[in-house]
Protein backbone atom coordinates (compact mmCIF):
# COMPACT_ATOMS: atom_id res chain seq x y z
CA MET A 1 -1.33 -101.94 -100.43
CA LYS A 2 0.67 -99.65 -102.71
CA ASN A 3 -0.19 -95.95 -102.69
CA GLN A 4 -1.61 -95.82 -106.19
CA SER A 5 -2.27 -92.09 -106.21
CA SER A 6 1.42 -91.25 -105.74
CA LEU A 7 2.60 -93.35 -108.69
CA PRO A 8 3.25 -91.79 -112.10
CA LYS A 9 1.19 -92.80 -115.14
CA LEU A 10 3.28 -95.31 -117.10
CA GLY A 11 2.93 -96.14 -120.77
CA PHE A 12 4.56 -98.62 -123.16
CA LEU A 13 5.88 -97.25 -126.43
CA TYR A 14 5.24 -99.70 -129.29
CA LEU A 15 5.75 -99.46 -133.05
CA ASN A 16 3.92 -101.39 -135.76
CA HIS A 17 6.03 -104.23 -137.20
CA VAL A 18 8.63 -103.97 -134.41
CA MET A 19 8.80 -106.67 -131.75
CA ARG A 20 8.05 -105.53 -128.22
CA PHE A 21 10.82 -105.45 -125.62
CA PHE A 22 8.45 -104.99 -122.65
CA ASP A 23 4.89 -105.88 -121.76
CA LYS A 24 2.85 -105.83 -118.55
CA SER A 25 4.25 -109.17 -117.42
CA ASN A 26 7.67 -107.51 -116.95
CA PHE A 27 6.10 -105.06 -114.47
CA LYS A 28 4.52 -107.65 -112.22
CA GLY A 29 2.74 -106.05 -109.27
CA TRP A 30 2.39 -102.53 -110.63
CA PRO A 31 -1.06 -101.61 -109.26
CA ASN A 32 -2.17 -99.07 -111.86
CA LYS A 33 -3.07 -99.57 -115.48
CA ILE A 34 -0.07 -99.24 -117.80
CA GLU A 35 -1.17 -97.51 -121.00
CA GLN A 36 -0.04 -98.49 -124.49
CA VAL A 37 0.61 -96.18 -127.43
CA THR A 38 1.62 -97.48 -130.85
CA TYR A 39 3.41 -95.48 -133.52
CA ARG A 40 2.08 -96.47 -136.96
CA TRP A 41 4.84 -94.98 -139.16
CA GLY A 42 4.23 -92.68 -142.10
CA LYS A 43 2.61 -89.36 -141.18
CA ASP A 44 1.69 -90.45 -137.67
CA LYS A 45 3.55 -87.97 -135.45
CA GLN A 46 0.68 -85.67 -134.49
CA ARG A 47 -1.80 -88.48 -133.87
CA PHE A 48 0.77 -90.22 -131.64
CA ILE A 49 1.46 -87.00 -129.69
CA ASN A 50 -2.26 -86.42 -129.19
CA GLU A 51 -2.77 -89.97 -127.90
CA VAL A 52 0.04 -89.66 -125.34
CA LYS A 53 -1.47 -86.39 -124.10
CA ALA A 54 -5.01 -87.80 -124.01
CA LYS A 55 -3.88 -90.77 -121.90
CA LYS A 56 -1.95 -88.40 -119.59
CA ILE A 57 1.17 -90.57 -119.74
CA GLU A 58 4.04 -89.26 -117.62
CA VAL A 59 6.66 -91.97 -118.23
CA LEU A 60 6.88 -93.60 -121.67
CA ILE A 61 8.94 -96.79 -121.73
CA GLY A 62 10.39 -98.45 -124.82
CA ASN A 63 13.22 -98.62 -127.33
CA ILE A 64 13.04 -96.65 -130.58
CA PRO A 65 14.44 -98.27 -133.75
CA ALA A 66 16.91 -96.42 -135.93
CA THR A 67 14.33 -95.77 -138.64
CA ALA A 68 12.23 -93.68 -136.24
CA TYR A 69 14.93 -92.10 -134.08
CA GLU A 70 14.89 -88.59 -135.60
CA THR A 71 11.09 -88.61 -135.68
CA PHE A 72 11.00 -89.34 -131.95
CA ARG A 73 13.46 -86.53 -131.31
CA GLU A 74 10.74 -84.25 -132.66
CA ILE A 75 7.99 -86.08 -130.76
CA ALA A 76 9.91 -85.76 -127.47
CA LYS A 77 10.23 -82.00 -127.96
CA ALA A 78 6.45 -81.80 -128.42
CA LEU A 79 5.97 -83.72 -125.14
CA PRO A 80 8.24 -81.84 -122.69
CA ASN A 81 6.40 -83.18 -119.63
CA VAL A 82 6.79 -86.83 -120.66
CA GLU A 83 9.88 -88.72 -119.52
CA PHE A 84 11.08 -91.16 -122.20
CA VAL A 85 12.78 -94.27 -120.83
CA PRO A 86 15.48 -94.68 -121.96
CA SER A 87 15.93 -91.02 -122.83
CA LEU A 88 16.48 -90.02 -126.46
CA ASP A 89 20.04 -89.09 -125.51
CA ALA A 90 20.62 -92.54 -124.00
CA GLN A 91 19.30 -94.03 -127.25
CA PHE A 92 21.64 -91.91 -129.41
CA ALA A 93 23.92 -94.89 -130.04
CA ASN A 94 20.96 -97.04 -131.18
CA LYS A 95 20.62 -95.14 -134.45
CA SER A 96 23.93 -95.86 -136.14
CA LYS A 97 27.50 -97.04 -135.86
CA GLU A 98 28.67 -93.48 -136.53
CA ASN A 99 26.72 -92.36 -133.43
CA VAL A 100 28.51 -95.04 -131.41
CA THR A 101 31.79 -93.59 -132.65
CA HIS A 102 30.81 -89.99 -131.76
CA PHE A 103 29.65 -91.16 -128.31
CA CYS A 104 32.87 -93.06 -127.60
CA ASN A 105 35.06 -90.22 -128.87
CA LYS A 106 33.32 -87.70 -126.63
CA TYR A 107 33.87 -89.81 -123.53
CA GLN A 108 37.33 -91.08 -124.56
CA LEU A 109 36.21 -94.70 -124.57
CA PRO A 110 38.48 -97.11 -126.46
CA THR A 111 37.33 -98.12 -129.95
CA PRO A 112 39.09 -99.33 -133.10
CA THR A 113 40.40 -96.37 -135.12
CA THR A 114 37.43 -95.24 -137.24
CA SER A 115 36.97 -92.93 -140.23
CA ILE A 116 33.55 -91.72 -141.43
CA PHE A 117 33.01 -90.13 -144.86
CA TYR A 118 29.94 -88.29 -146.12
CA VAL A 119 31.57 -87.34 -149.44
CA PRO A 120 32.23 -90.39 -151.68
CA GLU A 121 35.31 -88.83 -153.29
CA GLN A 122 36.92 -88.33 -149.88
CA ALA A 123 36.24 -91.95 -148.97
CA GLU A 124 37.76 -93.14 -152.23
CA GLN A 125 40.88 -91.03 -151.75
CA TYR A 126 41.31 -92.37 -148.22
CA LEU A 127 40.85 -95.99 -149.28
CA LYS A 128 43.39 -95.62 -152.10
CA THR A 129 46.15 -94.74 -149.66
CA ALA A 130 45.03 -96.70 -146.57
CA SER A 131 46.85 -99.67 -145.12
CA TYR A 132 44.89 -102.93 -145.14
CA PRO A 133 43.03 -104.97 -143.95
CA LYS A 134 40.10 -102.70 -143.04
CA ILE A 135 36.58 -103.31 -141.76
CA ILE A 136 33.71 -101.62 -143.63
CA LYS A 137 30.28 -101.62 -141.98
CA ARG A 138 26.84 -100.37 -142.80
CA SER A 139 26.45 -97.57 -140.30
CA PHE A 140 22.72 -97.07 -140.09
CA GLY A 141 20.47 -99.08 -137.82
CA PRO A 142 20.71 -102.61 -136.37
CA SER A 143 22.81 -103.67 -139.33
CA ASN A 144 25.35 -106.03 -137.92
CA TYR A 145 23.25 -108.96 -136.75
CA GLY A 146 24.86 -112.13 -138.00
CA GLY A 147 27.79 -110.18 -139.43
CA TYR A 148 26.05 -109.80 -142.81
CA PHE A 149 26.78 -106.08 -143.02
CA VAL A 150 30.33 -106.23 -141.63
CA HIS A 151 33.01 -106.76 -144.24
CA LYS A 152 36.77 -107.32 -144.06
CA VAL A 153 38.56 -105.95 -147.11
CA ASP A 154 42.21 -106.67 -147.85
CA SER A 155 42.84 -104.12 -150.60
CA TYR A 156 41.55 -100.97 -152.25
CA ALA A 157 40.16 -103.07 -155.10
CA GLU A 158 38.06 -105.14 -152.65
CA ALA A 159 36.85 -101.99 -150.87
CA LYS A 160 35.84 -100.32 -154.15
CA THR A 161 34.01 -103.44 -155.37
CA LEU A 162 32.15 -103.71 -152.06
CA LEU A 163 31.06 -100.06 -152.00
CA ASN A 164 30.00 -100.11 -155.66
CA LYS A 165 27.76 -103.05 -154.83
CA ARG A 166 26.45 -102.08 -151.39
CA LYS A 167 26.48 -98.26 -151.72
CA TYR A 168 26.80 -97.75 -147.96
CA TYR A 169 26.32 -94.17 -146.82
CA PRO A 170 28.13 -92.81 -144.97
CA VAL A 171 31.27 -94.83 -145.68
CA TYR A 172 32.22 -96.22 -142.26
CA VAL A 173 35.74 -97.68 -142.08
CA GLN A 174 37.58 -99.16 -139.09
CA ASP A 175 41.05 -100.58 -138.60
CA PHE A 176 40.94 -104.37 -138.47
CA VAL A 177 41.73 -105.52 -134.93
CA PRO A 178 42.65 -109.22 -134.68
CA MET A 179 40.44 -110.47 -131.85
CA GLN A 180 40.62 -113.37 -129.44
CA ALA A 181 36.88 -112.94 -128.85
CA ASP A 182 34.27 -110.34 -128.00
CA ILE A 183 32.10 -110.09 -124.90
CA ARG A 184 28.50 -108.92 -124.60
CA VAL A 185 27.77 -107.22 -121.26
CA MET A 186 24.22 -106.25 -120.23
CA LEU A 187 23.69 -103.73 -117.46
CA ILE A 188 20.80 -102.41 -115.37
CA GLY A 189 21.34 -99.24 -113.37
CA HIS A 190 25.03 -99.41 -114.40
CA LYS A 191 25.39 -102.86 -112.79
CA PRO A 192 26.47 -105.84 -114.94
CA VAL A 193 23.69 -108.45 -114.83
CA CYS A 194 24.77 -110.76 -117.65
CA ALA A 195 27.98 -111.24 -119.65
CA PHE A 196 29.16 -113.85 -122.11
CA TRP A 197 31.99 -114.55 -124.53
CA ARG A 198 31.48 -114.92 -128.27
CA ARG A 199 34.43 -116.68 -129.85
CA PRO A 200 35.13 -117.03 -133.58
CA PRO A 201 35.50 -120.49 -135.12
CA GLU A 202 39.03 -121.68 -135.84
CA GLY A 203 40.62 -119.60 -138.59
CA GLU A 204 37.75 -117.08 -138.79
CA TRP A 205 37.36 -113.51 -137.49
CA LEU A 206 33.59 -113.02 -137.07
CA THR A 207 32.35 -114.02 -133.62
CA ASN A 208 28.61 -114.13 -134.43
CA THR A 209 27.07 -117.45 -133.43
CA SER A 210 25.10 -117.47 -136.69
CA GLN A 211 28.48 -117.56 -138.45
CA GLY A 212 29.69 -120.53 -136.43
CA GLY A 213 30.97 -118.71 -133.35
CA SER A 214 30.60 -120.18 -129.86
CA MET A 215 29.36 -118.74 -126.56
CA ASP A 216 30.28 -119.26 -122.93
CA TYR A 217 29.70 -117.40 -119.68
CA GLN A 218 32.79 -118.19 -117.62
CA ASN A 219 35.60 -115.91 -116.39
CA VAL A 220 34.67 -112.62 -118.03
CA PRO A 221 37.56 -110.23 -117.21
CA LYS A 222 36.88 -107.57 -114.61
CA SER A 223 38.50 -104.99 -116.92
CA VAL A 224 35.72 -105.65 -119.45
CA LEU A 225 33.00 -105.23 -116.83
CA LYS A 226 34.63 -102.02 -115.62
CA LEU A 227 34.66 -100.59 -119.16
CA ALA A 228 31.00 -101.59 -119.68
CA VAL A 229 30.02 -99.80 -116.44
CA GLU A 230 31.97 -96.70 -117.50
CA THR A 231 30.17 -96.73 -120.86
CA SER A 232 26.74 -97.16 -119.28
CA LYS A 233 27.38 -94.24 -116.94
CA ALA A 234 28.49 -92.06 -119.86
CA ALA A 235 25.23 -92.86 -121.68
CA ASN A 236 23.19 -92.29 -118.49
CA ALA A 237 21.06 -95.29 -119.47
CA GLU A 238 18.65 -97.19 -117.22
CA TYR A 239 19.57 -100.35 -119.12
CA TRP A 240 22.37 -100.90 -121.58
CA ALA A 241 24.47 -103.43 -123.48
CA CYS A 242 28.03 -103.31 -124.82
CA ASP A 243 29.96 -105.54 -127.19
CA ILE A 244 33.60 -105.32 -126.17
CA ALA A 245 36.43 -106.89 -128.19
CA LEU A 246 39.47 -108.48 -126.58
CA GLY A 247 42.27 -107.97 -129.08
CA LYS A 248 45.16 -110.36 -129.55
CA ASN A 249 47.30 -107.42 -128.44
CA GLY A 250 45.65 -107.64 -125.00
CA GLN A 251 43.72 -104.36 -125.43
CA ILE A 252 39.94 -104.04 -125.13
CA TYR A 253 37.76 -102.03 -127.51
CA ILE A 254 34.08 -101.09 -127.65
CA LEU A 255 32.50 -102.42 -130.84
CA GLU A 256 28.81 -101.69 -130.22
CA CYS A 257 26.64 -100.24 -127.46
CA ALA A 258 22.91 -99.55 -127.24
CA THR A 259 19.76 -99.70 -125.15
CA ALA A 260 18.20 -102.03 -127.76
CA PHE A 261 19.47 -105.58 -127.47
CA ALA A 262 18.22 -109.15 -127.44
CA ALA A 263 17.64 -110.39 -123.89
CA PHE A 264 16.00 -113.36 -122.23
CA PRO A 265 12.62 -112.58 -120.59
CA TYR A 266 14.04 -112.86 -117.06
CA ILE A 267 16.46 -110.01 -117.79
CA ARG A 268 13.57 -107.87 -119.05
CA ASP A 269 11.77 -108.77 -115.79
CA TRP A 270 14.76 -107.42 -113.84
CA ILE A 271 14.64 -104.20 -115.84
CA GLY A 272 10.91 -103.92 -115.09
CA GLN A 273 11.55 -104.44 -111.36
CA TYR A 274 14.29 -101.81 -111.43
CA LEU A 275 12.02 -99.27 -113.16
CA MET A 276 9.16 -100.01 -110.73
CA TRP A 277 11.56 -99.27 -107.86
CA LYS A 278 12.78 -96.09 -109.55
CA TYR A 279 9.31 -94.65 -110.18
CA SER A 280 7.59 -95.76 -106.97
CA ASN A 281 9.56 -93.73 -104.40
CA GLY A 282 10.58 -96.92 -102.68
CA GLN A 283 7.17 -98.64 -102.68
CA PHE A 284 8.78 -101.47 -104.67
CA LYS A 285 12.05 -103.07 -103.63
CA LEU A 286 15.21 -102.72 -105.67
CA PRO A 287 15.90 -106.16 -107.19
CA HIS A 288 18.90 -108.02 -105.82
CA ILE A 289 20.96 -109.34 -108.77
CA PRO A 290 24.20 -111.02 -107.65
CA MET A 291 27.38 -110.49 -109.61
CA TRP A 292 28.45 -113.46 -111.72
CA ASN A 293 24.91 -114.91 -111.68
CA TRP A 294 25.37 -115.51 -115.42
CA GLU A 295 28.06 -118.13 -114.78
CA GLU A 296 25.46 -120.36 -113.12
CA LEU A 297 22.40 -119.41 -115.19
CA GLY A 298 24.49 -119.91 -118.32
CA LYS A 299 24.72 -123.62 -117.52
CA ILE A 300 20.99 -123.93 -118.25
CA SER A 301 19.98 -124.66 -121.84
CA PRO A 302 18.89 -121.56 -123.83
CA GLN A 303 15.57 -123.27 -124.64
CA LEU A 304 14.79 -123.49 -120.93
CA LEU A 305 16.17 -120.03 -120.11
CA ARG A 306 13.74 -118.51 -122.61
CA THR A 307 10.86 -119.82 -120.49
CA MET A 308 12.16 -118.74 -117.05
CA ARG A 309 10.51 -115.66 -115.57
CA HIS A 310 10.92 -113.43 -112.51
CA ILE A 311 14.09 -115.07 -111.21
CA THR A 312 14.85 -113.80 -107.71
CA PHE A 313 17.81 -114.20 -105.36
CA GLY A 314 17.98 -113.95 -101.61
CA GLN A 315 20.53 -111.55 -100.17
CA TYR A 316 23.15 -113.05 -97.89
CA THR A 317 23.46 -111.40 -94.47
CA PRO A 318 26.69 -112.44 -92.69
CA SER A 319 26.73 -113.03 -88.97
CA CYS A 320 28.61 -110.52 -86.84
CA ASP A 321 30.04 -110.15 -83.36
CA SER A 322 29.83 -107.04 -81.14
CA ASN A 323 27.56 -105.35 -83.69
CA GLU A 324 30.57 -104.68 -85.91
CA ARG A 325 30.44 -105.53 -89.57
CA PHE A 326 32.20 -104.15 -92.64
CA LYS A 327 29.47 -102.95 -95.00
CA GLN A 328 30.31 -103.27 -98.71
CA VAL A 329 28.35 -101.69 -101.54
CA ASP A 330 27.89 -105.23 -102.82
CA GLU A 331 30.15 -108.24 -103.21
CA TRP A 332 32.11 -106.66 -106.09
CA GLY A 333 31.46 -102.96 -105.67
CA TYR A 334 28.87 -102.66 -108.47
CA PRO A 335 25.56 -101.41 -107.01
CA LEU A 336 22.30 -100.92 -108.86
CA MET A 337 22.26 -97.14 -109.25
CA ASP A 338 19.36 -94.72 -109.58
CA VAL A 339 19.71 -93.22 -113.06
CA GLN A 340 18.37 -89.67 -113.17
CA GLN A 341 17.78 -88.09 -116.57
CA ASN A 342 19.25 -84.73 -117.52
CA ASN A 343 17.10 -81.75 -118.44
CA LEU A 344 19.48 -80.54 -121.15
CA GLU A 345 19.69 -82.22 -124.56
CA GLU A 346 23.14 -83.77 -125.02
CA TRP A 347 22.92 -84.92 -128.65
CA PRO A 348 20.70 -82.40 -130.51
CA SER A 349 19.88 -83.48 -134.05
CA GLU A 350 20.65 -80.01 -135.38
CA ILE A 351 24.29 -80.81 -134.66
CA TRP A 352 24.63 -84.59 -134.58
CA ASN A 353 22.34 -85.82 -137.36
CA PHE A 354 25.19 -85.67 -139.86
CA GLN A 355 23.52 -87.78 -142.55
CA ASP A 356 20.43 -85.61 -143.00
CA ASN A 357 22.22 -82.34 -142.27
CA TRP A 358 24.88 -82.96 -144.91
CA ARG A 359 22.25 -83.68 -147.54
CA LEU A 360 20.25 -80.62 -146.52
CA HIS A 361 23.24 -78.31 -147.05
CA HIS A 362 24.52 -80.05 -150.22
CA PRO A 363 21.36 -80.57 -152.32
CA SER A 364 23.18 -80.35 -155.66
CA GLU A 365 25.40 -83.32 -154.82
CA SER A 366 22.44 -85.25 -153.44
CA ASP A 367 20.64 -84.81 -156.76
CA THR A 368 23.54 -86.16 -158.81
CA GLY A 369 23.07 -89.65 -157.50
CA LEU A 370 26.56 -89.76 -156.01
CA LEU A 371 25.15 -90.73 -152.62
CA ALA A 372 23.27 -93.83 -151.66
CA PRO A 373 19.92 -93.22 -149.94
CA VAL A 374 20.14 -92.26 -146.29
CA GLY A 375 18.90 -95.08 -144.09
CA GLN A 376 15.17 -94.63 -144.47
CA ASP A 377 14.75 -92.10 -141.68
CA GLU A 378 11.35 -90.47 -141.90
CA SER A 379 12.22 -87.22 -140.15
CA ALA A 380 12.31 -85.26 -143.45
CA ASP A 381 9.78 -85.69 -146.24
CA SER A 382 12.50 -85.99 -148.90
CA LEU A 383 13.93 -88.99 -147.08
CA VAL A 384 10.67 -90.84 -146.42
CA ILE A 385 10.92 -94.14 -148.20
CA GLU A 386 8.73 -96.34 -146.06
CA SER A 387 4.96 -96.17 -146.16
CA GLU A 388 2.73 -96.81 -143.15
CA ASP A 389 2.80 -100.56 -143.68
CA ASP A 390 6.35 -100.85 -145.04
CA ALA A 391 7.83 -104.20 -144.02
CA ASN A 392 11.26 -102.58 -143.71
CA ALA A 393 10.01 -101.11 -140.43
CA MET A 394 10.49 -104.60 -139.03
CA SER A 395 14.22 -104.90 -138.65
CA HIS A 396 16.54 -107.80 -139.33
CA LEU A 397 17.17 -108.00 -135.57
CA SER A 398 13.44 -108.12 -134.78
CA LEU A 399 12.95 -111.05 -137.15
CA MET A 400 15.92 -112.86 -135.63
CA ASP A 401 14.27 -112.47 -132.23
CA PHE A 402 10.96 -113.69 -133.67
CA PHE A 403 12.44 -116.87 -135.18
CA THR A 404 14.73 -117.77 -132.26
CA GLY A 405 11.70 -117.57 -129.97
CA ILE A 406 10.32 -120.65 -131.73
CA LYS A 407 11.25 -124.04 -130.31
CA GLY A 408 13.65 -125.84 -132.61
CA ILE A 409 14.88 -122.76 -134.46
CA GLY A 410 18.30 -121.51 -133.44
CA GLU A 411 20.27 -118.49 -134.56
CA LYS A 412 21.86 -120.31 -137.51
CA MET A 413 18.54 -121.40 -139.02
CA ALA A 414 17.02 -117.96 -138.39
CA ALA A 415 19.98 -116.35 -140.13
CA ASP A 416 19.65 -118.80 -143.04
CA ILE A 417 15.97 -117.88 -143.47
CA LEU A 418 16.77 -114.17 -143.59
CA ALA A 419 19.80 -114.65 -145.84
CA THR A 420 17.71 -116.70 -148.31
CA LEU A 421 14.60 -114.51 -148.51
CA GLY A 422 15.71 -111.13 -147.14
CA THR A 423 13.81 -109.05 -144.58
CA GLN A 424 11.13 -107.95 -147.03
CA GLY A 425 10.78 -111.46 -148.47
CA VAL A 426 10.40 -113.02 -145.03
CA VAL A 427 7.64 -110.59 -143.99
CA ASP A 428 5.87 -111.10 -147.34
CA ALA A 429 6.07 -114.87 -146.89
CA LEU A 430 4.80 -114.77 -143.31
CA THR A 431 1.94 -112.46 -144.30
CA HIS A 432 0.87 -113.82 -147.68
CA ASN A 433 2.65 -117.03 -148.69
CA PRO A 434 4.07 -119.06 -145.76
CA HIS A 435 4.98 -122.03 -147.98
CA LYS A 436 7.73 -119.91 -149.54
CA LEU A 437 9.65 -120.43 -146.29
CA CYS A 438 10.05 -124.08 -147.33
CA GLU A 439 12.59 -122.88 -149.91
CA VAL A 440 14.96 -122.58 -146.98
CA LYS A 441 16.97 -125.69 -146.15
CA ASN A 442 15.59 -127.67 -143.17
CA VAL A 443 12.28 -125.77 -143.05
CA LYS A 444 9.79 -128.61 -143.43
CA ALA A 445 6.06 -128.93 -142.83
CA LYS A 446 6.33 -129.34 -139.04
CA LYS A 447 8.56 -126.28 -138.59
CA LEU A 448 6.42 -124.30 -141.01
CA ALA A 449 3.34 -125.02 -138.90
CA MET A 450 5.14 -123.78 -135.77
CA ILE A 451 6.33 -120.64 -137.58
CA THR A 452 2.86 -119.76 -138.90
CA SER A 453 1.27 -120.37 -135.49
CA HIS A 454 3.88 -118.17 -133.80
CA TRP A 455 3.35 -115.46 -136.43
CA GLN A 456 -0.42 -115.46 -135.88
CA GLN A 457 0.07 -114.91 -132.15
CA PHE A 458 2.60 -112.17 -132.82
CA SER A 459 0.33 -110.43 -135.36
CA GLN A 460 -2.56 -110.32 -132.87
CA GLN A 461 -0.34 -108.42 -130.39
CA ARG A 462 0.60 -105.66 -132.82
């Protein structure tokens, strides 16, 4: 019998229109009720704060999307006795690619050479004299799923045409690094628990599987795992994921890192077990997750892996003579570590929210229309674009997760649906006119019925 009185009050942080990373099933065995609080967007800050206080939540668990990041900075300050998991500092990289760059620069982590411009004229001057090819990305939010907001430009003319069309702000430019492949590494307590290669198709440079790239789980270099662990420790994150590029020059570079990432349910179960151990003072066991488990689990079909829950492993105890035995940390020296949050704020918005701060101090240039709208952050009234029920609150990545959770729909078809109708169009179709989805190639009556059924279940959970 667990000592219920000594356990903290847990709560799940949810947001309308955003798919849930955790639910109670990931915290199997937790004896107390786990509360739920849902942020409804719009002018919902004070109501949300009041609900957290009323439910006496001590630990609030959940990822915050880019569109609400600055808002939750303010909410966290109003709830000083509530521990956010992951912390707002750990989630700093979730907001934008520029934040990833600032994070990596601070901790001297290897990334492609990057330039960020908040003044359009400065970006244009740089691009006129730059050497090509370059990579231009949309900085804000979960923008790069499927590679649709990552662009390779081979000349100033291509860069200017792209920016005139897309109006990305800030202008985020990286040196093009010819890659053999990139590797996604997922970590819990700074320990790698899953890693896989993403390789580009012959003659291409994008590794995204929705663009024809391939995946495999074998022989991930130890140097890549070591860099992922170093990055996780720098972020001080309970759980974390990195995309690391292996260049044709033999060097490795961090492309992306965040606490928000797509993961099979069994990995979310492991995170839940880890957090139960962390917050129970040892009443729950630390999960044993062997290194290289992904090489064996990766042999199972993704359709089956999506249904597997609460995977456990026994821990090998070697025999010994004369009571002498060499005791390793684990078989590869990567233990599950207890992540303790810092009391001081590492990435205060007053300093690091460059997008909003630049606009605040340069209102005359903002009014001239020279700048594209900042990425729909609702922290300042002048930047609030989304209403309470704005479909943009559901991200491209969330919809990809929604569709790939349906039997028979893979990443390519999900990407085709979103490319054909757009995020707003997909949500409108799901909500009001499902038959519009049949405009997408290979979406027939049978698949449409599965999609609408899945959407009804999802809508009831919101």
